[in-house]
Each structure stands twice: as C-alpha cells, then as structure tokens.
Amino acid sequence: MTLEDLIRRLREFADARDWEPFHTPKNLVMALSGEAGELTSLFQWLTPEESADWRSDPELEANVLDEIADVTLYLVRLADVLGIDLYEAAGAKIDRNELRFPRKG
C-alpha cells in the first residue's frame, strides 16, 4: 500500500461514516495526541532493556502495533485535511536538521 492508497482509504472510511464534519484540524490533533499518549503509556514504566525487547511480550507487541497504527492514521488524516504532503514536509525537515546538526567527523 502506498501513502496515496492510505490517504484514499482514510477519506473513504470517513466519508462512509459522515465523519468529515468532525475531522477538523483541532479534533484530529487532539485525537493524535491522545493516541500518542496511549503509545507512551505502553513504554512508560519499562526499563530501557524491556522497551527494546517489546516484541517478546505478545500482548505488548499487539498493543504497540495498534497504537502505532492509530498514531499513523491520525497523522495521515490530519496532513490530508490540512493539505500537507507528508513526504515533502518530512524531507524539508530533514534538510533543516542536516543544517542544524552537522555530521561529526
């Protein structure tokens, strides 16, 4: 699946449920923040070693995959509603970071 396919599926999903009026930037940012918080809570009290070994616990693995998906879906939907090309925005940010944080050595 491409990013364009995902955007189309999310548009169709929202349209089929008449959710467009609720998919305002404010609401989508709040939902994204909530899902990021749920992802954070999965790792909150783990040691660094436990967090690196998250796939060893099947329940944690399933929950992490679900929350990563939720964060991704809300971010993609938000970018679509705002008319932002995610690849372009991400590439521009990496370009700026390369200037801010030059290579060592």
PDB file of N, CA and C in Angstrom:
ATOM      1  N   MET A   1       0.843  -1.175   0.000  1.00  0.00           N
ATOM      2  CA  MET A   1       0.000   0.000   0.000  1.00  0.00           C
ATOM      3  C   MET A   1       0.889   1.238   0.000  1.00  0.00           C
ATOM      4  N   THR A   2       0.546   2.195  -0.836  1.00  0.00           N
ATOM      5  CA  THR A   2       1.273   3.458  -0.868  1.00  0.00           C
ATOM      6  C   THR A   2       0.618   4.452   0.089  1.00  0.00           C
ATOM      7  N   LEU A   3       1.319   5.539   0.319  1.00  0.00           N
ATOM      8  CA  LEU A   3       0.742   6.596   1.145  1.00  0.00           C
ATOM      9  C   LEU A   3      -0.534   7.128   0.494  1.00  0.00           C
ATOM     10  N   GLU A   4      -0.534   7.252  -0.819  1.00  0.00           N
ATOM     11  CA  GLU A   4      -1.723   7.729  -1.530  1.00  0.00           C
ATOM     12  C   GLU A   4      -2.895   6.772  -1.334  1.00  0.00           C
ATOM     13  N   ASP A   5      -2.610   5.460  -1.354  1.00  0.00           N
ATOM     14  CA  ASP A   5      -3.657   4.465  -1.098  1.00  0.00           C
ATOM     15  C   ASP A   5      -4.227   4.628   0.304  1.00  0.00           C
ATOM     16  N   LEU A   6      -3.341   4.842   1.263  1.00  0.00           N
ATOM     17  CA  LEU A   6      -3.774   5.014   2.647  1.00  0.00           C
ATOM     18  C   LEU A   6      -4.634   6.269   2.799  1.00  0.00           C
ATOM     19  N   ILE A   7      -4.212   7.357   2.194  1.00  0.00           N
ATOM     20  CA  ILE A   7      -4.992   8.602   2.233  1.00  0.00           C
ATOM     21  C   ILE A   7      -6.381   8.365   1.646  1.00  0.00           C
ATOM     22  N   ARG A   8      -6.432   7.700   0.506  1.00  0.00           N
ATOM     23  CA  ARG A   8      -7.717   7.417  -0.142  1.00  0.00           C
ATOM     24  C   ARG A   8      -8.597   6.550   0.750  1.00  0.00           C
ATOM     25  N   ARG A   9      -8.028   5.515   1.353  1.00  0.00           N
ATOM     26  CA  ARG A   9      -8.814   4.645   2.229  1.00  0.00           C
ATOM     27  C   ARG A   9      -9.360   5.410   3.432  1.00  0.00           C
ATOM     28  N   LEU A  10      -8.535   6.280   3.999  1.00  0.00           N
ATOM     29  CA  LEU A  10      -8.997   7.068   5.142  1.00  0.00           C
ATOM     30  C   LEU A  10     -10.102   8.037   4.735  1.00  0.00           C
ATOM     31  N   ARG A  11      -9.966   8.661   3.568  1.00  0.00           N
ATOM     32  CA  ARG A  11     -11.021   9.557   3.074  1.00  0.00           C
ATOM     33  C   ARG A  11     -12.325   8.781   2.902  1.00  0.00           C
ATOM     34  N   GLU A  12     -12.235   7.616   2.258  1.00  0.00           N
ATOM     35  CA  GLU A  12     -13.420   6.798   2.023  1.00  0.00           C
ATOM     36  C   GLU A  12     -14.034   6.320   3.336  1.00  0.00           C
ATOM     37  N   PHE A  13     -13.194   5.941   4.285  1.00  0.00           N
ATOM     38  CA  PHE A  13     -13.665   5.485   5.595  1.00  0.00           C
ATOM     39  C   PHE A  13     -14.444   6.596   6.294  1.00  0.00           C
ATOM     40  N   ALA A  14     -13.860   7.800   6.317  1.00  0.00           N
ATOM     41  CA  ALA A  14     -14.520   8.935   6.964  1.00  0.00           C
ATOM     42  C   ALA A  14     -15.795   9.318   6.224  1.00  0.00           C
ATOM     43  N   ASP A  15     -15.751   9.308   4.895  1.00  0.00           N
ATOM     44  CA  ASP A  15     -16.911   9.676   4.096  1.00  0.00           C
ATOM     45  C   ASP A  15     -18.072   8.705   4.308  1.00  0.00           C
ATOM     46  N   ALA A  16     -17.771   7.421   4.370  1.00  0.00           N
ATOM     47  CA  ALA A  16     -18.816   6.406   4.537  1.00  0.00           C
ATOM     48  C   ALA A  16     -19.532   6.522   5.877  1.00  0.00           C
ATOM     49  N   ARG A  17     -18.909   7.191   6.823  1.00  0.00           N
ATOM     50  CA  ARG A  17     -19.479   7.341   8.164  1.00  0.00           C
ATOM     51  C   ARG A  17     -19.924   8.776   8.446  1.00  0.00           C
ATOM     52  N   ASP A  18     -19.838   9.627   7.434  1.00  0.00           N
ATOM     53  CA  ASP A  18     -20.170  11.053   7.586  1.00  0.00           C
ATOM     54  C   ASP A  18     -19.371  11.708   8.710  1.00  0.00           C
ATOM     55  N   TRP A  19     -18.090  11.386   8.777  1.00  0.00           N
ATOM     56  CA  TRP A  19     -17.227  11.925   9.830  1.00  0.00           C
ATOM     57  C   TRP A  19     -16.500  13.207   9.430  1.00  0.00           C
ATOM     58  N   GLU A  20     -16.583  13.623   8.161  1.00  0.00           N
ATOM     59  CA  GLU A  20     -15.843  14.809   7.738  1.00  0.00           C
ATOM     60  C   GLU A  20     -16.096  16.028   8.627  1.00  0.00           C
ATOM     61  N   PRO A  21     -17.356  16.284   9.048  1.00  0.00           N
ATOM     62  CA  PRO A  21     -17.563  17.460   9.893  1.00  0.00           C
ATOM     63  C   PRO A  21     -16.786  17.409  11.218  1.00  0.00           C
ATOM     64  N   PHE A  22     -16.452  16.210  11.643  1.00  0.00           N
ATOM     65  CA  PHE A  22     -15.735  16.046  12.905  1.00  0.00           C
ATOM     66  C   PHE A  22     -14.223  16.019  12.716  1.00  0.00           C
ATOM     67  N   HIS A  23     -13.783  15.844  11.479  1.00  0.00           N
ATOM     68  CA  HIS A  23     -12.351  15.761  11.197  1.00  0.00           C
ATOM     69  C   HIS A  23     -11.777  17.149  10.939  1.00  0.00           C
ATOM     70  N   THR A  24     -11.954  18.008  11.924  1.00  0.00           N
ATOM     71  CA  THR A  24     -11.355  19.333  11.869  1.00  0.00           C
ATOM     72  C   THR A  24      -9.900  19.216  12.324  1.00  0.00           C
ATOM     73  N   PRO A  25      -9.061  20.162  11.949  1.00  0.00           N
ATOM     74  CA  PRO A  25      -7.683  20.095  12.431  1.00  0.00           C
ATOM     75  C   PRO A  25      -7.598  19.976  13.958  1.00  0.00           C
ATOM     76  N   LYS A  26      -8.392  20.750  14.672  1.00  0.00           N
ATOM     77  CA  LYS A  26      -8.360  20.694  16.140  1.00  0.00           C
ATOM     78  C   LYS A  26      -8.688  19.294  16.642  1.00  0.00           C
ATOM     79  N   ASN A  27      -9.759  18.716  16.148  1.00  0.00           N
ATOM     80  CA  ASN A  27     -10.166  17.394  16.616  1.00  0.00           C
ATOM     81  C   ASN A  27      -9.146  16.319  16.251  1.00  0.00           C
ATOM     82  N   LEU A  28      -8.595  16.410  15.049  1.00  0.00           N
ATOM     83  CA  LEU A  28      -7.609  15.419  14.634  1.00  0.00           C
ATOM     84  C   LEU A  28      -6.317  15.535  15.436  1.00  0.00           C
ATOM     85  N   VAL A  29      -5.892  16.767  15.740  1.00  0.00           N
ATOM     86  CA  VAL A  29      -4.696  16.953  16.577  1.00  0.00           C
ATOM     87  C   VAL A  29      -4.942  16.393  17.974  1.00  0.00           C
ATOM     88  N   MET A  30      -6.125  16.639  18.507  1.00  0.00           N
ATOM     89  CA  MET A  30      -6.438  16.113  19.843  1.00  0.00           C
ATOM     90  C   MET A  30      -6.453  14.583  19.829  1.00  0.00           C
ATOM     91  N   ALA A  31      -7.036  13.989  18.802  1.00  0.00           N
ATOM     92  CA  ALA A  31      -7.066  12.529  18.695  1.00  0.00           C
ATOM     93  C   ALA A  31      -5.654  11.972  18.532  1.00  0.00           C
ATOM     94  N   LEU A  32      -4.847  12.633  17.713  1.00  0.00           N
ATOM     95  CA  LEU A  32      -3.454  12.221  17.523  1.00  0.00           C
ATOM     96  C   LEU A  32      -2.694  12.266  18.837  1.00  0.00           C
ATOM     97  N   SER A  33      -2.884  13.337  19.578  1.00  0.00           N
ATOM     98  CA  SER A  33      -2.229  13.485  20.878  1.00  0.00           C
ATOM     99  C   SER A  33      -2.659  12.380  21.845  1.00  0.00           C
ATOM    100  N   GLY A  34      -3.943  12.072  21.847  1.00  0.00           N
ATOM    101  CA  GLY A  34      -4.439  11.012  22.720  1.00  0.00           C
ATOM    102  C   GLY A  34      -3.835   9.664  22.368  1.00  0.00           C
ATOM    103  N   GLU A  35      -3.744   9.371  21.087  1.00  0.00           N
ATOM    104  CA  GLU A  35      -3.173   8.094  20.658  1.00  0.00           C
ATOM    105  C   GLU A  35      -1.673   8.041  20.958  1.00  0.00           C
ATOM    106  N   ALA A  36      -0.984   9.167  20.780  1.00  0.00           N
ATOM    107  CA  ALA A  36       0.443   9.204  21.135  1.00  0.00           C
ATOM    108  C   ALA A  36       0.606   8.969  22.628  1.00  0.00           C
ATOM    109  N   GLY A  37      -0.315   9.501  23.426  1.00  0.00           N
ATOM    110  CA  GLY A  37      -0.287   9.258  24.871  1.00  0.00           C
ATOM    111  C   GLY A  37      -0.504   7.790  25.202  1.00  0.00           C
ATOM    112  N   GLU A  38      -1.404   7.139  24.479  1.00  0.00           N
ATOM    113  CA  GLU A  38      -1.628   5.709  24.703  1.00  0.00           C
ATOM    114  C   GLU A  38      -0.380   4.905  24.351  1.00  0.00           C
ATOM    115  N   LEU A  39       0.302   5.278  23.278  1.00  0.00           N
ATOM    116  CA  LEU A  39       1.554   4.620  22.912  1.00  0.00           C
ATOM    117  C   LEU A  39       2.612   4.856  23.991  1.00  0.00           C
ATOM    118  N   THR A  40       2.689   6.084  24.460  1.00  0.00           N
ATOM    119  CA  THR A  40       3.640   6.418  25.518  1.00  0.00           C
ATOM    120  C   THR A  40       3.397   5.576  26.764  1.00  0.00           C
ATOM    121  N   SER A  41       2.135   5.399  27.108  1.00  0.00           N
ATOM    122  CA  SER A  41       1.817   4.667  28.343  1.00  0.00           C
ATOM    123  C   SER A  41       2.276   3.211  28.277  1.00  0.00           C
ATOM    124  N   LEU A  42       2.378   2.659  27.081  1.00  0.00           N
ATOM    125  CA  LEU A  42       2.833   1.271  26.950  1.00  0.00           C
ATOM    126  C   LEU A  42       4.299   1.106  27.337  1.00  0.00           C
ATOM    127  N   PHE A  43       5.077   2.151  27.177  1.00  0.00           N
ATOM    128  CA  PHE A  43       6.513   2.095  27.457  1.00  0.00           C
ATOM    129  C   PHE A  43       6.903   2.812  28.747  1.00  0.00           C
ATOM    130  N   GLN A  44       5.960   3.522  29.344  1.00  0.00           N
ATOM    131  CA  GLN A  44       6.258   4.452  30.431  1.00  0.00           C
ATOM    132  C   GLN A  44       7.114   3.864  31.551  1.00  0.00           C
ATOM    133  N   TRP A  45       6.771   2.713  32.034  1.00  0.00           N
ATOM    134  CA  TRP A  45       7.463   2.178  33.205  1.00  0.00           C
ATOM    135  C   TRP A  45       8.403   1.025  32.874  1.00  0.00           C
ATOM    136  N   LEU A  46       8.669   0.818  31.604  1.00  0.00           N
ATOM    137  CA  LEU A  46       9.603  -0.234  31.218  1.00  0.00           C
ATOM    138  C   LEU A  46      11.041   0.247  31.374  1.00  0.00           C
ATOM    139  N   THR A  47      11.915  -0.674  31.660  1.00  0.00           N
ATOM    140  CA  THR A  47      13.344  -0.335  31.658  1.00  0.00           C
ATOM    141  C   THR A  47      13.777  -0.161  30.202  1.00  0.00           C
ATOM    142  N   PRO A  48      14.937   0.442  29.976  1.00  0.00           N
ATOM    143  CA  PRO A  48      15.420   0.536  28.588  1.00  0.00           C
ATOM    144  C   PRO A  48      15.522  -0.833  27.913  1.00  0.00           C
ATOM    145  N   GLU A  49      15.941  -1.830  28.671  1.00  0.00           N
ATOM    146  CA  GLU A  49      16.074  -3.179  28.119  1.00  0.00           C
ATOM    147  C   GLU A  49      14.697  -3.763  27.763  1.00  0.00           C
ATOM    148  N   GLU A  50      13.733  -3.582  28.654  1.00  0.00           N
ATOM    149  CA  GLU A  50      12.381  -4.086  28.395  1.00  0.00           C
ATOM    150  C   GLU A  50      11.765  -3.388  27.181  1.00  0.00           C
ATOM    151  N   SER A  51      12.000  -2.092  27.078  1.00  0.00           N
ATOM    152  CA  SER A  51      11.418  -1.360  25.947  1.00  0.00           C
ATOM    153  C   SER A  51      12.044  -1.795  24.622  1.00  0.00           C
ATOM    154  N   ALA A  52      13.322  -2.136  24.641  1.00  0.00           N
ATOM    155  CA  ALA A  52      13.986  -2.613  23.423  1.00  0.00           C
ATOM    156  C   ALA A  52      13.508  -4.014  23.040  1.00  0.00           C
ATOM    157  N   ASP A  53      13.034  -4.760  24.016  1.00  0.00           N
ATOM    158  CA  ASP A  53      12.605  -6.150  23.811  1.00  0.00           C
ATOM    159  C   ASP A  53      11.084  -6.262  23.798  1.00  0.00           C
ATOM    160  N   TRP A  54      10.391  -5.226  23.342  1.00  0.00           N
ATOM    161  CA  TRP A  54       8.932  -5.146  23.416  1.00  0.00           C
ATOM    162  C   TRP A  54       8.228  -6.272  22.679  1.00  0.00           C
ATOM    163  N   ARG A  55       8.851  -6.838  21.678  1.00  0.00           N
ATOM    164  CA  ARG A  55       8.201  -7.918  20.915  1.00  0.00           C
ATOM    165  C   ARG A  55       8.188  -9.250  21.662  1.00  0.00           C
ATOM    166  N   SER A  56       8.912  -9.352  22.750  1.00  0.00           N
ATOM    167  CA  SER A  56       8.930 -10.626  23.488  1.00  0.00           C
ATOM    168  C   SER A  56       7.645 -10.866  24.276  1.00  0.00           C
ATOM    169  N   ASP A  57       6.874  -9.817  24.474  1.00  0.00           N
ATOM    170  CA  ASP A  57       5.590  -9.920  25.174  1.00  0.00           C
ATOM    171  C   ASP A  57       4.483  -9.791  24.128  1.00  0.00           C
ATOM    172  N   PRO A  58       3.783 -10.899  23.821  1.00  0.00           N
ATOM    173  CA  PRO A  58       2.773 -10.847  22.746  1.00  0.00           C
ATOM    174  C   PRO A  58       1.682  -9.803  22.964  1.00  0.00           C
ATOM    175  N   GLU A  59       1.264  -9.603  24.204  1.00  0.00           N
ATOM    176  CA  GLU A  59       0.228  -8.604  24.470  1.00  0.00           C
ATOM    177  C   GLU A  59       0.758  -7.194  24.231  1.00  0.00           C
ATOM    178  N   LEU A  60       1.967  -6.926  24.710  1.00  0.00           N
ATOM    179  CA  LEU A  60       2.583  -5.615  24.484  1.00  0.00           C
ATOM    180  C   LEU A  60       2.807  -5.398  22.990  1.00  0.00           C
ATOM    181  N   GLU A  61       3.270  -6.409  22.297  1.00  0.00           N
ATOM    182  CA  GLU A  61       3.501  -6.285  20.866  1.00  0.00           C
ATOM    183  C   GLU A  61       2.212  -5.901  20.136  1.00  0.00           C
ATOM    184  N   ALA A  62       1.131  -6.586  20.435  1.00  0.00           N
ATOM    185  CA  ALA A  62      -0.154  -6.286  19.786  1.00  0.00           C
ATOM    186  C   ALA A  62      -0.602  -4.862  20.091  1.00  0.00           C
ATOM    187  N   ASN A  63      -0.441  -4.449  21.346  1.00  0.00           N
ATOM    188  CA  ASN A  63      -0.854  -3.096  21.738  1.00  0.00           C
ATOM    189  C   ASN A  63       0.016  -2.029  21.076  1.00  0.00           C
ATOM    190  N   VAL A  64       1.320  -2.266  21.003  1.00  0.00           N
ATOM    191  CA  VAL A  64       2.217  -1.299  20.360  1.00  0.00           C
ATOM    192  C   VAL A  64       1.858  -1.160  18.885  1.00  0.00           C
ATOM    193  N   LEU A  65       1.645  -2.285  18.213  1.00  0.00           N
ATOM    194  CA  LEU A  65       1.276  -2.222  16.794  1.00  0.00           C
ATOM    195  C   LEU A  65      -0.023  -1.461  16.586  1.00  0.00           C
ATOM    196  N   ASP A  66      -1.015  -1.695  17.449  1.00  0.00           N
ATOM    197  CA  ASP A  66      -2.283  -0.974  17.340  1.00  0.00           C
ATOM    198  C   ASP A  66      -2.101   0.529  17.552  1.00  0.00           C
ATOM    199  N   GLU A  67      -1.340   0.901  18.569  1.00  0.00           N
ATOM    200  CA  GLU A  67      -1.173   2.333  18.859  1.00  0.00           C
ATOM    201  C   GLU A  67      -0.321   3.027  17.806  1.00  0.00           C
ATOM    202  N   ILE A  68       0.703   2.339  17.297  1.00  0.00           N
ATOM    203  CA  ILE A  68       1.490   2.909  16.192  1.00  0.00           C
ATOM    204  C   ILE A  68       0.577   3.147  14.987  1.00  0.00           C
ATOM    205  N   ALA A  69      -0.298   2.182  14.720  1.00  0.00           N
ATOM    206  CA  ALA A  69      -1.242   2.331  13.609  1.00  0.00           C
ATOM    207  C   ALA A  69      -2.168   3.520  13.852  1.00  0.00           C
ATOM    208  N   ASP A  70      -2.698   3.650  15.069  1.00  0.00           N
ATOM    209  CA  ASP A  70      -3.592   4.762  15.374  1.00  0.00           C
ATOM    210  C   ASP A  70      -2.892   6.102  15.183  1.00  0.00           C
ATOM    211  N   VAL A  71      -1.669   6.221  15.675  1.00  0.00           N
ATOM    212  CA  VAL A  71      -0.910   7.465  15.524  1.00  0.00           C
ATOM    213  C   VAL A  71      -0.691   7.756  14.042  1.00  0.00           C
ATOM    214  N   THR A  72      -0.317   6.740  13.298  1.00  0.00           N
ATOM    215  CA  THR A  72      -0.081   6.908  11.862  1.00  0.00           C
ATOM    216  C   THR A  72      -1.347   7.355  11.145  1.00  0.00           C
ATOM    217  N   LEU A  73      -2.451   6.694  11.432  1.00  0.00           N
ATOM    218  CA  LEU A  73      -3.698   7.015  10.747  1.00  0.00           C
ATOM    219  C   LEU A  73      -4.167   8.433  11.043  1.00  0.00           C
ATOM    220  N   TYR A  74      -4.084   8.841  12.302  1.00  0.00           N
ATOM    221  CA  TYR A  74      -4.490  10.212  12.628  1.00  0.00           C
ATOM    222  C   TYR A  74      -3.536  11.239  12.015  1.00  0.00           C
ATOM    223  N   LEU A  75      -2.238  10.948  11.986  1.00  0.00           N
ATOM    224  CA  LEU A  75      -1.290  11.874  11.381  1.00  0.00           C
ATOM    225  C   LEU A  75      -1.537  12.006   9.877  1.00  0.00           C
ATOM    226  N   VAL A  76      -1.754  10.889   9.213  1.00  0.00           N
ATOM    227  CA  VAL A  76      -2.018  10.923   7.776  1.00  0.00           C
ATOM    228  C   VAL A  76      -3.322  11.666   7.488  1.00  0.00           C
ATOM    229  N   ARG A  77      -4.344  11.399   8.272  1.00  0.00           N
ATOM    230  CA  ARG A  77      -5.631  12.084   8.071  1.00  0.00           C
ATOM    231  C   ARG A  77      -5.491  13.585   8.312  1.00  0.00           C
ATOM    232  N   LEU A  78      -4.779  13.964   9.378  1.00  0.00           N
ATOM    233  CA  LEU A  78      -4.559  15.376   9.680  1.00  0.00           C
ATOM    234  C   LEU A  78      -3.819  16.064   8.532  1.00  0.00           C
ATOM    235  N   ALA A  79      -2.756  15.449   8.049  1.00  0.00           N
ATOM    236  CA  ALA A  79      -1.997  16.038   6.948  1.00  0.00           C
ATOM    237  C   ALA A  79      -2.877  16.200   5.720  1.00  0.00           C
ATOM    238  N   ASP A  80      -3.726  15.219   5.452  1.00  0.00           N
ATOM    239  CA  ASP A  80      -4.620  15.303   4.306  1.00  0.00           C
ATOM    240  C   ASP A  80      -5.604  16.454   4.460  1.00  0.00           C
ATOM    241  N   VAL A  81      -6.206  16.556   5.619  1.00  0.00           N
ATOM    242  CA  VAL A  81      -7.177  17.634   5.872  1.00  0.00           C
ATOM    243  C   VAL A  81      -6.499  19.008   5.761  1.00  0.00           C
ATOM    244  N   LEU A  82      -5.252  19.096   6.191  1.00  0.00           N
ATOM    245  CA  LEU A  82      -4.518  20.358   6.133  1.00  0.00           C
ATOM    246  C   LEU A  82      -3.895  20.618   4.761  1.00  0.00           C
ATOM    247  N   GLY A  83      -3.939  19.621   3.875  1.00  0.00           N
ATOM    248  CA  GLY A  83      -3.345  19.785   2.551  1.00  0.00           C
ATOM    249  C   GLY A  83      -1.828  19.743   2.568  1.00  0.00           C
ATOM    250  N   ILE A  84      -1.271  18.970   3.486  1.00  0.00           N
ATOM    251  CA  ILE A  84       0.181  18.869   3.627  1.00  0.00           C
ATOM    252  C   ILE A  84       0.657  17.561   2.996  1.00  0.00           C
ATOM    253  N   ASP A  85       1.685  17.662   2.165  1.00  0.00           N
ATOM    254  CA  ASP A  85       2.339  16.485   1.598  1.00  0.00           C
ATOM    255  C   ASP A  85       3.343  15.994   2.649  1.00  0.00           C
ATOM    256  N   LEU A  86       3.073  14.834   3.226  1.00  0.00           N
ATOM    257  CA  LEU A  86       3.922  14.329   4.305  1.00  0.00           C
ATOM    258  C   LEU A  86       5.355  14.086   3.859  1.00  0.00           C
ATOM    259  N   TYR A  87       5.539  13.542   2.672  1.00  0.00           N
ATOM    260  CA  TYR A  87       6.899  13.302   2.180  1.00  0.00           C
ATOM    261  C   TYR A  87       7.655  14.613   2.021  1.00  0.00           C
ATOM    262  N   GLU A  88       6.990  15.612   1.454  1.00  0.00           N
ATOM    263  CA  GLU A  88       7.626  16.912   1.254  1.00  0.00           C
ATOM    264  C   GLU A  88       7.973  17.563   2.597  1.00  0.00           C
ATOM    265  N   ALA A  89       7.021  17.537   3.529  1.00  0.00           N
ATOM    266  CA  ALA A  89       7.258  18.145   4.847  1.00  0.00           C
ATOM    267  C   ALA A  89       8.392  17.424   5.577  1.00  0.00           C
ATOM    268  N   ALA A  90       8.392  16.100   5.526  1.00  0.00           N
ATOM    269  CA  ALA A  90       9.436  15.333   6.217  1.00  0.00           C
ATOM    270  C   ALA A  90      10.802  15.568   5.578  1.00  0.00           C
ATOM    271  N   GLY A  91      10.845  15.587   4.256  1.00  0.00           N
ATOM    272  CA  GLY A  91      12.113  15.839   3.576  1.00  0.00           C
ATOM    273  C   GLY A  91      12.667  17.215   3.893  1.00  0.00           C
ATOM    274  N   ALA A  92      11.793  18.210   3.929  1.00  0.00           N
ATOM    275  CA  ALA A  92      12.226  19.579   4.252  1.00  0.00           C
ATOM    276  C   ALA A  92      12.755  19.655   5.680  1.00  0.00           C
ATOM    277  N   LYS A  93      12.118  18.925   6.586  1.00  0.00           N
ATOM    278  CA  LYS A  93      12.568  18.934   7.984  1.00  0.00           C
ATOM    279  C   LYS A  93      13.935  18.266   8.118  1.00  0.00           C
ATOM    280  N   ILE A  94      14.141  17.159   7.414  1.00  0.00           N
ATOM    281  CA  ILE A  94      15.457  16.514   7.449  1.00  0.00           C
ATOM    282  C   ILE A  94      16.507  17.453   6.884  1.00  0.00           C
ATOM    283  N   ASP A  95      16.177  18.162   5.798  1.00  0.00           N
ATOM    284  CA  ASP A  95      17.109  19.143   5.224  1.00  0.00           C
ATOM    285  C   ASP A  95      17.500  20.190   6.267  1.00  0.00           C
ATOM    286  N   ARG A  96      16.498  20.722   6.978  1.00  0.00           N
ATOM    287  CA  ARG A  96      16.783  21.737   8.008  1.00  0.00           C
ATOM    288  C   ARG A  96      17.617  21.136   9.141  1.00  0.00           C
ATOM    289  N   ASN A  97      17.315  19.899   9.530  1.00  0.00           N
ATOM    290  CA  ASN A  97      18.068  19.253  10.617  1.00  0.00           C
ATOM    291  C   ASN A  97      19.512  18.980  10.217  1.00  0.00           C
ATOM    292  N   GLU A  98      19.747  18.698   8.943  1.00  0.00           N
ATOM    293  CA  GLU A  98      21.131  18.484   8.483  1.00  0.00           C
ATOM    294  C   GLU A  98      21.933  19.762   8.630  1.00  0.00           C
ATOM    295  N   LEU A  99      21.294  20.898   8.455  1.00  0.00           N
ATOM    296  CA  LEU A  99      21.991  22.183   8.644  1.00  0.00           C
ATOM    297  C   LEU A  99      22.183  22.480  10.123  1.00  0.00           C
ATOM    298  N   ARG A 100      21.179  22.178  10.929  1.00  0.00           N
ATOM    299  CA  ARG A 100      21.252  22.462  12.368  1.00  0.00           C
ATOM    300  C   ARG A 100      22.209  21.524  13.093  1.00  0.00           C
ATOM    301  N   PHE A 101      22.294  20.301  12.633  1.00  0.00           N
ATOM    302  CA  PHE A 101      23.098  19.277  13.296  1.00  0.00           C
ATOM    303  C   PHE A 101      24.060  18.667  12.297  1.00  0.00           C
ATOM    304  N   PRO A 102      25.188  19.363  12.027  1.00  0.00           N
ATOM    305  CA  PRO A 102      26.129  18.862  11.026  1.00  0.00           C
ATOM    306  C   PRO A 102      26.723  17.520  11.425  1.00  0.00           C
ATOM    307  N   ARG A 103      27.180  16.787  10.416  1.00  0.00           N
ATOM    308  CA  ARG A 103      27.830  15.492  10.657  1.00  0.00           C
ATOM    309  C   ARG A 103      29.065  15.680  11.499  1.00  0.00           C
ATOM    310  N   LYS A 104      29.325  14.683  12.313  1.00  0.00           N
ATOM    311  CA  LYS A 104      30.554  14.693  13.100  1.00  0.00           C
ATOM    312  C   LYS A 104      31.646  14.014  12.284  1.00  0.00           C
ATOM    313  N   GLY A 105      32.847  14.553  12.435  1.00  0.00           N
ATOM    314  CA  GLY A 105      33.999  13.910  11.797  1.00  0.00           C
ATOM    315  C   GLY A 105      34.171  14.344  10.452  1.00  0.00           C
TER     316      GLY A 105
END
